[in-house]
Amino acid sequence: MSFRVPLLVFCLTVCLPSLSASAQDASPIRALLEEQKTRDTSIDSVDRMRDSQSDAIKNQKAAWGHWGHLPNRYSTWVNHSNRLIPMYTFGITLDSLREEDSIYADAKRLETLYGSIPSHTLDPSATHFDQTDVYRLQKMAADAGKQQIIVMVFDGMDWPTTRAAAVYQSGRVGYDSGRGTGLLFQDYLGATTDFGEFVTSPRLDGSKFDVNSQVLLSGPKNATGGYDVNRGGRYPWREQSQRDYLIGLDRERPHTVTDSAASATSLFSGIKTYNGAINVAADGTQVLPIARTLQQKGYRIGVVSSVPVSHATPAATYANNVTRADYQDLARDLLGLASVSHRDESLRGVDVLIGSGWGEGTGKDNAQGDNFAQGNKYLHEQDLRRVDIKNGGSYVVAQRREGECGKDSILRAAKRAVDQDARFVGFYGTKGGHLPFQTADGQFNPTFDIKGTETYSEADIHENPTLADMTEAALTVLEKSPQGFWLMIEAGDVDWANHANNLDSSIGAVLSGDAAFKRVVEWTERNNAWDETAIIVTADHGHFLVIDDAEVIASAGRAE
């Protein structure tokens, strides 16, 4: 079977060198690249996807599709959904999970998962997995002796979002079901690979809590999550997109839609919990994420994100808190500082933390409790100074600086961390707490959407690394670990684009994540490490993009 993989194209800053010789010579990356078609992404070229997005907002109609369950309007839903989420694995298969049969076909296991058997959820013929199975898969990989375990989370990337990016990038409608083709993580055959789908619904919608005491104030509740295949669809390409069930509005089947905190807790700690929880169970007890379990066994731990370093997904890799909104304390857990959740004995901290949130100062944030400090709300300046190796801490710190090339600065600092046998922090971003949003054609010029319009200066682009650059920096530090490493990489801007109903930015975000995946597999090939490496590419939840005519998206891709 032959596969065609479209060229991964990015807006290159002046400091970005050409692909290294070792990367060019890598196989099967080289074989795939030789099949790719070169596409013009110059600033003067036609940008049909951007124009189509602009017209969709102005006219509230798009030929390619819409957001929400109402087909006659372009934008009627800006939140998450309960769609089944795709999962791609490399270096490890899903066979062990399949042999156990779906948890949704087993009443006893289902009751253990949710605390009770959710209505219209038990299905003897179910084949889909649960999000907590991703945690179990990581544990299986470690038990099997995998020395490098890498989890890539494309936040908010459901099956239609993936398909839109694949169709655009390949310039053709290459599939309408299954794994798909057109993106590197769909087409890569350099290792054993597998594909499946899972349910993301949480245990509970939410819970009352006291952030200062880290105590839940709500009593026991019956589960409100669940998944009905008759209303949601047995596969993500066979859903009933004109029903309101998947967005949690079906009064007869009001199964709760997850948020990124509960879903990340499922991915990394293997439990169902309430929306907003960071590794805290529905009864208020703290749970241990896989990264800390592996850290106890000698693995070094890395966390990378294109959005704020203490947002739900990166935070849930390691921290504990009753609320995802307590950003500064979550960052303290990540960096091994005393926090409201670990007052007496701080956690060890991750070995590599790279993300955004730089420059996001604020004077007040009640959601963060009494110990909130005026300043950067995601990672406070004083905490960053405390961990800096220059001040007696254990981390080499790199952050955005005026006039410095983001890629050069982060890679130089990563090498210093290796030379000093130190840990590493990279802190970047632009206004809003994220990296500049890449659009479908590889530029950084998002058009207006329902959230407004973002514009970036030349400095914003020059002084920030890409997600792929961040990934390379993390691998540079972690590869020196004598006992292996665990790494999470989040393409968080997929979620931000989908919340804004901006397909141009959504496609660009998926492509930026695919570029990070490319760096990962290049590293694995270069080090002949597939026998010791397991990679999982997935998402934490979906949105509600509905594609009516994929050929329109493919045509826009061909034009650019």
Protein backbone atom coordinates (compact mmCIF):
# COMPACT_ATOMS: atom_id res chain seq x y z
CA MET A 1 0.00 0.00 0.00
CA SER A 2 1.43 3.36 -0.96
CA PHE A 3 0.87 6.63 0.88
CA ARG A 4 1.33 10.21 -0.17
CA VAL A 5 2.22 12.69 2.52
CA PRO A 6 1.99 16.42 1.81
CA LEU A 7 4.92 18.67 2.51
CA LEU A 8 4.99 20.22 5.96
CA VAL A 9 5.38 23.95 5.32
CA PHE A 10 5.91 26.67 7.89
CA CYS A 11 6.42 30.41 8.07
CA LEU A 12 10.18 30.55 8.56
CA THR A 13 11.75 33.35 10.57
CA VAL A 14 15.10 34.69 9.48
CA CYS A 15 16.86 32.65 12.16
CA LEU A 16 15.55 29.26 10.97
CA PRO A 17 18.22 27.18 9.24
CA SER A 18 17.60 24.43 6.74
CA LEU A 19 16.89 20.87 7.81
CA SER A 20 19.99 19.18 9.18
CA ALA A 21 21.76 16.58 7.08
CA SER A 22 20.95 13.87 9.60
CA ALA A 23 17.27 14.71 9.35
CA GLN A 24 17.37 14.79 5.57
CA ASP A 25 18.98 11.40 5.45
CA ALA A 26 16.55 9.86 7.96
CA SER A 27 14.46 6.93 6.75
CA PRO A 28 11.53 6.56 6.21
CA ILE A 29 11.13 10.32 6.68
CA ARG A 30 13.19 10.89 3.54
CA ALA A 31 11.09 8.43 1.56
CA LEU A 32 7.94 10.22 2.60
CA LEU A 33 9.33 13.65 1.81
CA GLU A 34 10.34 12.54 -1.67
CA GLU A 35 6.69 11.81 -2.38
CA GLN A 36 5.52 15.20 -1.18
CA LYS A 37 4.59 17.98 -3.52
CA THR A 38 6.14 21.40 -3.06
CA ARG A 39 3.57 24.15 -2.54
CA ASP A 40 3.96 27.90 -2.82
CA THR A 41 3.40 29.56 0.55
CA SER A 42 4.87 32.95 -0.25
CA ILE A 43 3.19 35.95 1.33
CA ASP A 44 1.96 37.08 -2.08
CA SER A 45 0.22 33.83 -2.95
CA VAL A 46 -3.53 33.36 -2.87
CA ASP A 47 -4.84 32.46 0.59
CA ARG A 48 -8.18 30.87 -0.16
CA MET A 49 -8.62 29.31 3.26
CA ARG A 50 -8.16 32.65 4.97
CA ASP A 51 -10.55 34.31 2.54
CA SER A 52 -13.09 31.52 3.04
CA GLN A 53 -12.87 31.92 6.82
CA SER A 54 -13.37 35.69 6.54
CA ASP A 55 -16.39 35.24 4.28
CA ALA A 56 -17.88 32.66 6.61
CA ILE A 57 -17.87 35.06 9.53
CA LYS A 58 -19.20 37.95 7.45
CA ASN A 59 -21.96 35.93 5.79
CA GLN A 60 -22.54 33.35 8.55
CA LYS A 61 -22.33 30.69 5.87
CA ALA A 62 -19.59 28.54 4.35
CA ALA A 63 -19.72 26.07 1.47
CA TRP A 64 -17.41 23.66 3.31
CA GLY A 65 -19.45 23.41 6.50
CA HIS A 66 -20.41 24.92 9.84
CA TRP A 67 -19.89 24.76 13.61
CA GLY A 68 -22.78 23.35 15.64
CA HIS A 69 -25.73 21.06 15.03
CA LEU A 70 -27.76 23.62 13.05
CA PRO A 71 -26.79 23.32 9.37
CA ASN A 72 -28.32 26.63 8.24
CA ARG A 73 -25.90 28.83 10.22
CA TYR A 74 -22.13 28.92 10.21
CA SER A 75 -21.55 29.41 13.93
CA THR A 76 -23.90 28.12 16.64
CA TRP A 77 -21.52 26.26 18.98
CA VAL A 78 -18.20 27.43 20.45
CA ASN A 79 -17.67 24.88 23.22
CA HIS A 80 -16.56 21.28 23.59
CA SER A 81 -18.41 18.13 22.53
CA ASN A 82 -18.66 14.46 23.48
CA ARG A 83 -17.46 13.20 20.13
CA LEU A 84 -15.38 10.03 20.04
CA ILE A 85 -11.73 11.06 19.83
CA PRO A 86 -9.07 9.46 17.57
CA MET A 87 -5.89 7.92 18.96
CA TYR A 88 -2.80 7.02 16.90
CA THR A 89 -0.01 4.90 18.37
CA PHE A 90 3.56 4.23 17.24
CA GLY A 91 5.90 1.61 18.64
CA ILE A 92 3.01 0.11 20.54
CA THR A 93 -0.41 -1.26 19.53
CA LEU A 94 -3.87 -1.31 21.03
CA ASP A 95 -4.06 -5.11 20.95
CA SER A 96 -3.80 -5.56 24.71
CA LEU A 97 -6.72 -3.21 25.22
CA ARG A 98 -8.75 -4.90 22.48
CA GLU A 99 -8.22 -8.31 24.06
CA GLU A 100 -9.96 -7.07 27.19
CA ASP A 101 -12.97 -5.84 25.19
CA SER A 102 -14.42 -2.36 25.62
CA ILE A 103 -15.10 -1.16 29.13
CA TYR A 104 -18.44 0.07 27.74
CA ALA A 105 -19.47 -3.55 27.17
CA ASP A 106 -18.71 -4.56 30.78
CA ALA A 107 -21.18 -3.43 33.47
CA LYS A 108 -18.83 -4.07 36.39
CA ARG A 109 -15.89 -2.18 34.93
CA LEU A 110 -18.17 0.63 33.76
CA GLU A 111 -19.59 1.06 37.26
CA THR A 112 -16.08 1.19 38.70
CA LEU A 113 -15.10 3.84 36.15
CA TYR A 114 -18.03 6.22 36.68
CA GLY A 115 -19.09 5.30 40.23
CA SER A 116 -22.38 4.07 38.82
CA ILE A 117 -23.57 2.76 35.46
CA PRO A 118 -24.49 5.82 33.37
CA SER A 119 -27.83 5.72 31.59
CA HIS A 120 -27.88 4.37 28.02
CA THR A 121 -24.12 3.80 28.09
CA LEU A 122 -23.67 0.06 28.59
CA ASP A 123 -23.40 -1.54 25.14
CA PRO A 124 -22.52 -5.25 24.77
CA SER A 125 -21.33 -4.63 21.20
CA ALA A 126 -19.14 -1.60 22.02
CA THR A 127 -15.68 -1.48 20.45
CA HIS A 128 -14.63 2.04 21.46
CA PHE A 129 -12.12 2.65 24.23
CA ASP A 130 -12.27 5.11 27.10
CA GLN A 131 -9.95 8.07 27.59
CA THR A 132 -8.57 6.43 30.74
CA ASP A 133 -7.24 3.67 28.49
CA VAL A 134 -4.62 6.14 27.25
CA TYR A 135 -3.23 6.20 30.81
CA ARG A 136 -3.29 2.40 30.87
CA LEU A 137 -1.50 2.29 27.53
CA GLN A 138 1.32 4.45 28.91
CA LYS A 139 1.59 2.16 31.91
CA MET A 140 1.71 -0.88 29.61
CA ALA A 141 4.47 0.77 27.58
CA ALA A 142 6.55 1.33 30.71
CA ASP A 143 5.91 -2.20 31.92
CA ALA A 144 7.05 -3.46 28.52
CA GLY A 145 10.36 -1.68 28.99
CA LYS A 146 9.85 1.34 26.75
CA GLN A 147 12.48 3.92 27.69
CA GLN A 148 10.92 6.84 25.84
CA ILE A 149 7.18 7.42 26.23
CA ILE A 150 5.86 10.44 24.35
CA VAL A 151 2.26 11.64 24.42
CA MET A 152 1.16 14.30 21.95
CA VAL A 153 -2.12 16.02 22.80
CA PHE A 154 -3.72 18.10 20.05
CA ASP A 155 -6.11 19.91 22.38
CA GLY A 156 -9.63 19.93 20.91
CA MET A 157 -8.75 17.93 17.78
CA ASP A 158 -11.62 15.59 16.96
CA TRP A 159 -11.95 13.45 13.84
CA PRO A 160 -13.50 16.18 11.60
CA THR A 161 -10.82 18.69 12.69
CA THR A 162 -8.13 16.17 11.77
CA ARG A 163 -9.81 15.49 8.44
CA ALA A 164 -10.05 19.19 7.58
CA ALA A 165 -6.30 19.62 8.11
CA ALA A 166 -5.47 16.43 6.19
CA VAL A 167 -7.68 17.32 3.24
CA TYR A 168 -6.27 20.85 3.08
CA GLN A 169 -2.65 19.73 3.37
CA SER A 170 -2.95 17.00 0.76
CA GLY A 171 -5.14 19.02 -1.58
CA ARG A 172 -7.51 16.10 -2.03
CA VAL A 173 -10.34 14.33 -0.24
CA GLY A 174 -8.44 11.16 0.53
CA TYR A 175 -10.83 9.50 2.96
CA ASP A 176 -14.25 9.64 4.59
CA SER A 177 -13.75 7.07 7.36
CA GLY A 178 -11.09 5.48 9.52
CA ARG A 179 -7.53 6.53 10.26
CA GLY A 180 -7.20 8.85 7.29
CA THR A 181 -4.31 10.09 5.19
CA GLY A 182 -2.65 13.42 4.46
CA LEU A 183 -0.86 14.24 7.72
CA LEU A 184 2.45 12.76 8.83
CA PHE A 185 0.97 11.18 11.96
CA GLN A 186 -1.64 9.48 9.76
CA ASP A 187 0.78 8.23 7.11
CA TYR A 188 3.97 7.45 9.02
CA LEU A 189 4.96 3.78 8.63
CA GLY A 190 8.43 3.82 10.16
CA ALA A 191 7.21 1.91 13.22
CA THR A 192 4.40 -0.40 14.30
CA THR A 193 1.28 1.76 14.36
CA ASP A 194 -2.37 1.51 15.37
CA PHE A 195 -5.57 3.54 15.50
CA GLY A 196 -8.70 3.67 17.65
CA GLU A 197 -11.33 5.95 19.19
CA PHE A 198 -12.38 6.68 22.77
CA VAL A 199 -15.07 8.32 24.93
CA THR A 200 -14.14 11.53 26.79
CA SER A 201 -17.20 12.24 28.95
CA PRO A 202 -16.22 12.98 32.60
CA ARG A 203 -17.77 11.63 35.77
CA LEU A 204 -19.35 14.91 36.87
CA ASP A 205 -20.06 18.36 35.47
CA GLY A 206 -18.38 20.16 38.36
CA SER A 207 -17.96 20.42 42.10
CA LYS A 208 -17.88 23.14 44.74
CA PHE A 209 -14.51 23.63 46.38
CA ASP A 210 -12.36 25.91 48.50
CA VAL A 211 -9.14 26.71 46.67
CA ASN A 212 -7.38 27.87 49.85
CA SER A 213 -7.97 24.66 51.82
CA GLN A 214 -8.03 22.43 48.71
CA VAL A 215 -11.22 20.83 50.00
CA LEU A 216 -14.33 19.83 48.05
CA LEU A 217 -17.52 21.25 49.52
CA SER A 218 -19.95 19.15 47.50
CA GLY A 219 -21.26 15.84 48.79
CA PRO A 220 -21.39 12.58 46.82
CA LYS A 221 -23.14 12.82 43.46
CA ASN A 222 -24.33 10.32 40.90
CA ALA A 223 -22.39 10.30 37.65
CA THR A 224 -23.65 12.62 34.93
CA GLY A 225 -21.25 11.46 32.22
CA GLY A 226 -21.73 8.67 29.72
CA TYR A 227 -22.01 7.92 26.00
CA ASP A 228 -24.99 6.68 23.99
CA VAL A 229 -23.85 5.21 20.66
CA ASN A 230 -27.39 5.45 19.30
CA ARG A 231 -27.26 9.23 19.58
CA GLY A 232 -23.54 9.92 19.42
CA GLY A 233 -22.54 7.37 16.80
CA ARG A 234 -20.57 4.13 16.95
CA TYR A 235 -17.70 5.75 15.07
CA PRO A 236 -16.76 9.44 14.76
CA TRP A 237 -17.43 9.35 11.01
CA ARG A 238 -20.95 7.97 11.61
CA GLU A 239 -22.28 10.47 14.10
CA GLN A 240 -25.64 12.22 13.97
CA SER A 241 -24.36 15.73 13.49
CA GLN A 242 -27.77 17.41 13.44
CA ARG A 243 -28.67 16.21 16.93
CA ASP A 244 -27.77 18.19 20.04
CA TYR A 245 -26.76 15.11 22.05
CA LEU A 246 -23.01 15.42 21.47
CA ILE A 247 -22.94 18.98 22.81
CA GLY A 248 -24.77 18.06 26.00
CA LEU A 249 -28.10 19.72 25.19
CA ASP A 250 -30.22 16.58 24.76
CA ARG A 251 -32.61 16.65 27.73
CA GLU A 252 -33.36 12.96 27.37
CA ARG A 253 -29.64 12.04 27.38
CA PRO A 254 -27.86 14.91 29.16
CA HIS A 255 -24.45 13.28 29.32
CA THR A 256 -21.89 15.78 30.57
CA VAL A 257 -19.36 17.20 28.12
CA THR A 258 -15.78 17.23 29.42
CA ASP A 259 -13.46 20.14 29.94
CA SER A 260 -9.69 20.00 29.45
CA ALA A 261 -8.93 19.47 33.15
CA ALA A 262 -11.09 16.39 33.68
CA SER A 263 -10.02 14.95 30.34
CA ALA A 264 -6.31 15.50 31.02
CA THR A 265 -6.74 13.88 34.44
CA SER A 266 -8.20 10.86 32.63
CA LEU A 267 -5.30 10.81 30.14
CA PHE A 268 -2.57 11.04 32.75
CA SER A 269 -4.05 9.57 35.96
CA GLY A 270 -6.56 7.08 34.62
CA ILE A 271 -9.70 8.19 36.47
CA LYS A 272 -12.98 9.91 35.71
CA THR A 273 -13.50 13.04 37.77
CA TYR A 274 -15.35 16.37 37.79
CA ASN A 275 -14.81 19.16 35.28
CA GLY A 276 -12.16 21.56 36.52
CA ALA A 277 -10.19 19.03 38.59
CA ILE A 278 -6.45 18.64 38.18
CA ASN A 279 -5.63 15.12 39.39
CA VAL A 280 -8.23 15.28 42.14
CA ALA A 281 -10.90 12.58 42.29
CA ALA A 282 -14.61 13.15 42.69
CA ASP A 283 -14.27 12.47 46.44
CA GLY A 284 -11.55 15.12 46.83
CA THR A 285 -8.54 12.83 47.12
CA GLN A 286 -5.40 13.57 45.15
CA VAL A 287 -4.35 11.02 42.53
CA LEU A 288 -0.91 10.25 41.14
CA PRO A 289 -0.29 10.99 37.45
CA ILE A 290 1.79 8.60 35.35
CA ALA A 291 4.65 11.11 35.05
CA ARG A 292 5.27 11.11 38.80
CA THR A 293 5.03 7.32 38.92
CA LEU A 294 7.66 7.03 36.21
CA GLN A 295 9.79 9.72 37.82
CA GLN A 296 10.04 7.51 40.90
CA LYS A 297 11.44 4.80 38.61
CA GLY A 298 14.15 7.05 37.19
CA TYR A 299 12.49 8.52 34.11
CA ARG A 300 13.06 12.21 33.49
CA ILE A 301 9.89 14.20 32.84
CA GLY A 302 9.22 16.80 30.16
CA VAL A 303 6.19 19.01 29.50
CA VAL A 304 5.80 21.19 26.40
CA SER A 305 2.85 23.36 25.35
CA SER A 306 2.07 26.11 22.85
CA VAL A 307 -0.32 27.68 25.39
CA PRO A 308 0.23 28.73 29.04
CA VAL A 309 2.56 26.41 30.93
CA SER A 310 0.05 26.00 33.77
CA HIS A 311 -3.09 25.52 31.67
CA ALA A 312 -5.11 22.37 32.27
CA THR A 313 -3.33 19.92 29.98
CA PRO A 314 0.29 20.66 30.96
CA ALA A 315 -0.71 21.07 34.61
CA ALA A 316 -2.46 17.70 34.73
CA THR A 317 0.68 15.90 33.63
CA TYR A 318 2.11 16.45 37.11
CA ALA A 319 0.25 18.73 39.54
CA ASN A 320 -2.71 18.44 41.92
CA ASN A 321 -5.38 21.05 42.55
CA VAL A 322 -9.11 21.21 43.13
CA THR A 323 -9.31 23.81 40.35
CA ARG A 324 -7.61 24.31 37.01
CA ALA A 325 -7.80 28.09 37.57
CA ASP A 326 -5.12 28.15 40.30
CA TYR A 327 -2.39 28.71 37.73
CA GLN A 328 0.44 29.96 39.93
CA ASP A 329 0.16 27.02 42.33
CA LEU A 330 -0.02 24.57 39.44
CA ALA A 331 3.20 26.08 38.08
CA ARG A 332 4.79 25.69 41.52
CA ASP A 333 3.96 21.98 41.51
CA LEU A 334 5.48 21.67 38.03
CA LEU A 335 8.69 23.36 39.20
CA GLY A 336 9.02 21.59 42.55
CA LEU A 337 8.11 24.59 44.72
CA ALA A 338 5.82 24.54 47.75
CA SER A 339 2.20 25.08 46.69
CA VAL A 340 -1.26 25.21 48.22
CA SER A 341 -1.65 21.53 47.34
CA HIS A 342 1.78 20.50 48.64
CA ARG A 343 2.59 22.88 51.48
CA ASP A 344 4.80 20.76 53.70
CA GLU A 345 6.60 18.65 51.13
CA SER A 346 6.83 20.02 47.63
CA LEU A 347 6.89 17.76 44.60
CA ARG A 348 10.20 17.03 42.85
CA GLY A 349 9.18 19.04 39.79
CA VAL A 350 9.49 18.16 36.13
CA ASP A 351 12.87 18.11 34.43
CA VAL A 352 11.80 20.15 31.41
CA LEU A 353 8.97 22.69 31.31
CA ILE A 354 8.48 24.68 28.10
CA GLY A 355 5.45 26.73 27.20
CA SER A 356 3.75 30.07 26.93
CA GLY A 357 2.23 32.68 29.20
CA TRP A 358 5.18 35.06 29.14
CA GLY A 359 4.24 38.71 29.73
CA GLU A 360 0.74 37.97 31.08
CA GLY A 361 0.70 40.12 34.21
CA THR A 362 -2.35 40.93 36.31
CA GLY A 363 -3.05 42.60 39.63
CA LYS A 364 -5.92 40.43 40.86
CA ASP A 365 -7.28 36.95 40.33
CA ASN A 366 -9.75 35.73 42.95
CA ALA A 367 -9.91 32.26 41.42
CA GLN A 368 -6.30 31.65 42.51
CA GLY A 369 -7.00 32.09 46.21
CA ASP A 370 -5.39 34.07 48.99
CA ASN A 371 -1.80 33.31 47.99
CA PHE A 372 -2.14 34.84 44.52
CA ALA A 373 0.78 37.16 43.82
CA GLN A 374 0.47 40.21 41.60
CA GLY A 375 2.39 39.67 38.40
CA ASN A 376 2.38 36.91 35.84
CA LYS A 377 -0.72 34.87 36.53
CA TYR A 378 0.57 31.68 34.90
CA LEU A 379 4.12 31.51 36.24
CA HIS A 380 5.05 34.24 38.68
CA GLU A 381 8.27 36.14 38.11
CA GLN A 382 9.52 35.45 41.65
CA ASP A 383 8.97 31.70 41.22
CA LEU A 384 10.90 31.78 37.95
CA ARG A 385 13.77 33.58 39.68
CA ARG A 386 13.77 31.07 42.54
CA VAL A 387 14.28 28.07 40.24
CA ASP A 388 16.88 29.75 38.01
CA ILE A 389 20.28 28.10 38.29
CA LYS A 390 21.81 31.58 38.38
CA ASN A 391 20.10 32.10 41.75
CA GLY A 392 20.88 28.70 43.21
CA GLY A 393 17.99 26.84 41.59
CA SER A 394 18.18 23.74 39.43
CA TYR A 395 16.84 25.05 36.08
CA VAL A 396 18.51 26.81 33.19
CA VAL A 397 15.89 29.41 32.26
CA ALA A 398 15.23 30.67 28.73
CA GLN A 399 12.54 33.21 28.02
CA ARG A 400 11.45 35.61 25.36
CA ARG A 401 13.80 38.57 25.07
CA GLU A 402 13.72 41.63 22.86
CA GLY A 403 15.58 41.12 19.61
CA GLU A 404 16.53 37.49 20.26
CA CYS A 405 15.48 34.79 17.82
CA GLY A 406 13.15 32.44 19.67
CA LYS A 407 14.45 29.27 18.05
CA ASP A 408 18.10 30.17 18.59
CA SER A 409 17.59 31.22 22.19
CA ILE A 410 15.70 28.11 23.26
CA LEU A 411 18.09 25.67 21.56
CA ARG A 412 21.18 27.42 22.94
CA ALA A 413 19.71 27.35 26.44
CA ALA A 414 18.80 23.68 26.10
CA LYS A 415 22.41 22.90 25.23
CA ARG A 416 23.57 24.88 28.28
CA ALA A 417 21.27 22.79 30.43
CA VAL A 418 22.87 19.65 29.02
CA ASP A 419 26.38 21.02 29.58
CA GLN A 420 25.53 21.91 33.19
CA ASP A 421 23.57 18.69 33.82
CA ALA A 422 20.67 20.95 34.80
CA ARG A 423 16.94 21.02 34.35
CA PHE A 424 15.34 23.40 31.85
CA VAL A 425 12.53 25.97 31.68
CA GLY A 426 11.49 27.78 28.49
CA PHE A 427 8.93 30.59 28.83
CA TYR A 428 7.61 32.34 25.73
CA GLY A 429 4.47 33.68 24.11
CA THR A 430 2.63 36.71 22.86
CA LYS A 431 -0.43 38.62 24.02
CA GLY A 432 -3.05 36.19 25.27
CA GLY A 433 -0.60 33.69 26.70
CA HIS A 434 0.11 31.54 23.64
CA LEU A 435 2.49 31.28 20.72
CA PRO A 436 1.49 33.20 17.58
CA PHE A 437 -1.29 31.28 15.82
CA GLN A 438 -0.14 29.63 12.61
CA THR A 439 -2.70 29.64 9.82
CA ALA A 440 -3.34 26.96 7.22
CA ASP A 441 -0.82 28.31 4.68
CA GLY A 442 1.98 28.43 7.26
CA GLN A 443 1.84 32.18 7.86
CA PHE A 444 0.98 33.92 11.15
CA ASN A 445 -1.81 36.20 9.97
CA PRO A 446 -5.11 34.91 11.39
CA THR A 447 -8.25 36.55 10.07
CA PHE A 448 -11.17 37.67 12.19
CA ASP A 449 -13.46 35.14 13.83
CA ILE A 450 -16.12 35.16 16.52
CA LYS A 451 -13.46 36.00 19.13
CA GLY A 452 -12.13 38.98 17.18
CA THR A 453 -8.82 39.36 15.33
CA GLU A 454 -5.29 38.63 16.49
CA THR A 455 -2.36 40.44 14.89
CA TYR A 456 1.33 39.89 15.52
CA SER A 457 4.35 42.11 15.14
CA GLU A 458 7.55 40.93 13.48
CA ALA A 459 8.99 40.71 16.97
CA ASP A 460 6.20 38.38 18.11
CA ILE A 461 7.14 35.92 15.39
CA HIS A 462 10.91 36.39 15.54
CA GLU A 463 11.26 36.22 19.34
CA ASN A 464 9.14 33.07 19.80
CA PRO A 465 10.04 29.49 18.91
CA THR A 466 7.51 27.22 17.23
CA LEU A 467 6.04 24.17 18.93
CA ALA A 468 8.45 22.08 16.85
CA ASP A 469 11.37 24.14 18.17
CA MET A 470 10.13 23.66 21.73
CA THR A 471 9.92 19.93 21.09
CA GLU A 472 13.48 19.83 19.78
CA ALA A 473 14.72 21.69 22.86
CA ALA A 474 12.94 19.26 25.17
CA LEU A 475 14.42 16.25 23.39
CA THR A 476 17.89 17.81 23.53
CA VAL A 477 17.73 17.87 27.33
CA LEU A 478 15.79 14.68 27.96
CA GLU A 479 17.80 12.42 25.66
CA LYS A 480 20.67 12.55 28.15
CA SER A 481 18.59 10.72 30.75
CA PRO A 482 20.28 7.38 31.55
CA GLN A 483 16.96 5.77 32.51
CA GLY A 484 14.67 7.13 29.83
CA PHE A 485 12.08 9.88 29.76
CA TRP A 486 8.38 10.66 29.55
CA LEU A 487 7.35 13.68 27.47
CA MET A 488 4.02 15.37 26.84
CA ILE A 489 3.71 17.79 23.90
CA GLU A 490 0.53 19.85 23.57
CA ALA A 491 -0.65 21.63 20.43
CA GLY A 492 -2.98 23.73 22.55
CA ASP A 493 -3.86 26.27 19.87
CA VAL A 494 -6.12 23.75 18.08
CA ASP A 495 -8.56 24.19 20.93
CA TRP A 496 -8.30 27.99 20.89
CA ALA A 497 -8.98 28.09 17.15
CA ASN A 498 -11.95 25.75 17.41
CA HIS A 499 -13.46 27.78 20.24
CA ALA A 500 -13.24 30.74 17.86
CA ASN A 501 -14.80 28.73 14.99
CA ASN A 502 -11.76 29.65 12.89
CA LEU A 503 -11.02 26.82 10.47
CA ASP A 504 -8.01 28.58 8.94
CA SER A 505 -6.30 28.81 12.33
CA SER A 506 -7.49 25.34 13.31
CA ILE A 507 -5.84 23.78 10.27
CA GLY A 508 -2.68 25.77 10.94
CA ALA A 509 -2.61 24.57 14.55
CA VAL A 510 -2.93 20.92 13.51
CA LEU A 511 -0.12 21.39 10.99
CA SER A 512 2.10 22.98 13.63
CA GLY A 513 1.50 19.93 15.82
CA ASP A 514 2.26 17.64 12.88
CA ALA A 515 5.57 19.48 12.51
CA ALA A 516 6.34 18.75 16.16
CA PHE A 517 5.52 15.09 15.52
CA LYS A 518 8.00 15.18 12.64
CA ARG A 519 10.74 16.34 15.03
CA VAL A 520 9.86 13.46 17.37
CA VAL A 521 10.06 10.72 14.73
CA GLU A 522 13.23 12.23 13.26
CA TRP A 523 14.79 12.08 16.72
CA THR A 524 13.63 8.49 17.15
CA GLU A 525 15.03 7.42 13.78
CA ARG A 526 18.27 9.29 14.26
CA ASN A 527 18.83 7.46 17.55
CA ASN A 528 17.62 4.09 16.25
CA ALA A 529 15.26 4.12 19.20
CA TRP A 530 12.00 2.62 17.92
CA ASP A 531 12.47 -0.57 19.91
CA GLU A 532 12.51 1.48 23.11
CA THR A 533 10.00 4.20 22.17
CA ALA A 534 6.22 4.47 22.36
CA ILE A 535 4.38 7.49 20.95
CA ILE A 536 0.69 8.27 21.39
CA VAL A 537 -0.94 11.02 19.32
CA THR A 538 -4.42 12.00 20.43
CA ALA A 539 -6.67 14.77 21.78
CA ASP A 540 -8.43 15.49 25.04
CA HIS A 541 -11.87 16.31 23.64
CA GLY A 542 -13.68 17.46 20.54
CA HIS A 543 -15.56 20.51 19.31
CA PHE A 544 -18.36 20.54 16.74
CA LEU A 545 -17.02 21.29 13.29
CA VAL A 546 -19.29 19.72 10.66
CA ILE A 547 -17.80 19.32 7.17
CA ASP A 548 -20.44 19.47 4.46
CA ASP A 549 -18.16 19.61 1.41
CA ALA A 550 -14.56 18.55 2.00
CA GLU A 551 -13.66 19.24 -1.62
CA VAL A 552 -13.93 22.99 -0.94
CA ILE A 553 -11.22 22.64 1.72
CA ALA A 554 -9.10 20.48 -0.59
CA SER A 555 -9.43 23.07 -3.34
CA ALA A 556 -8.21 25.80 -1.00
CA GLY A 557 -5.21 23.62 -0.18
CA ARG A 558 -4.40 23.07 -3.85
CA ALA A 559 -4.56 26.80 -4.52
CA GLU A 560 -1.95 27.57 -1.91
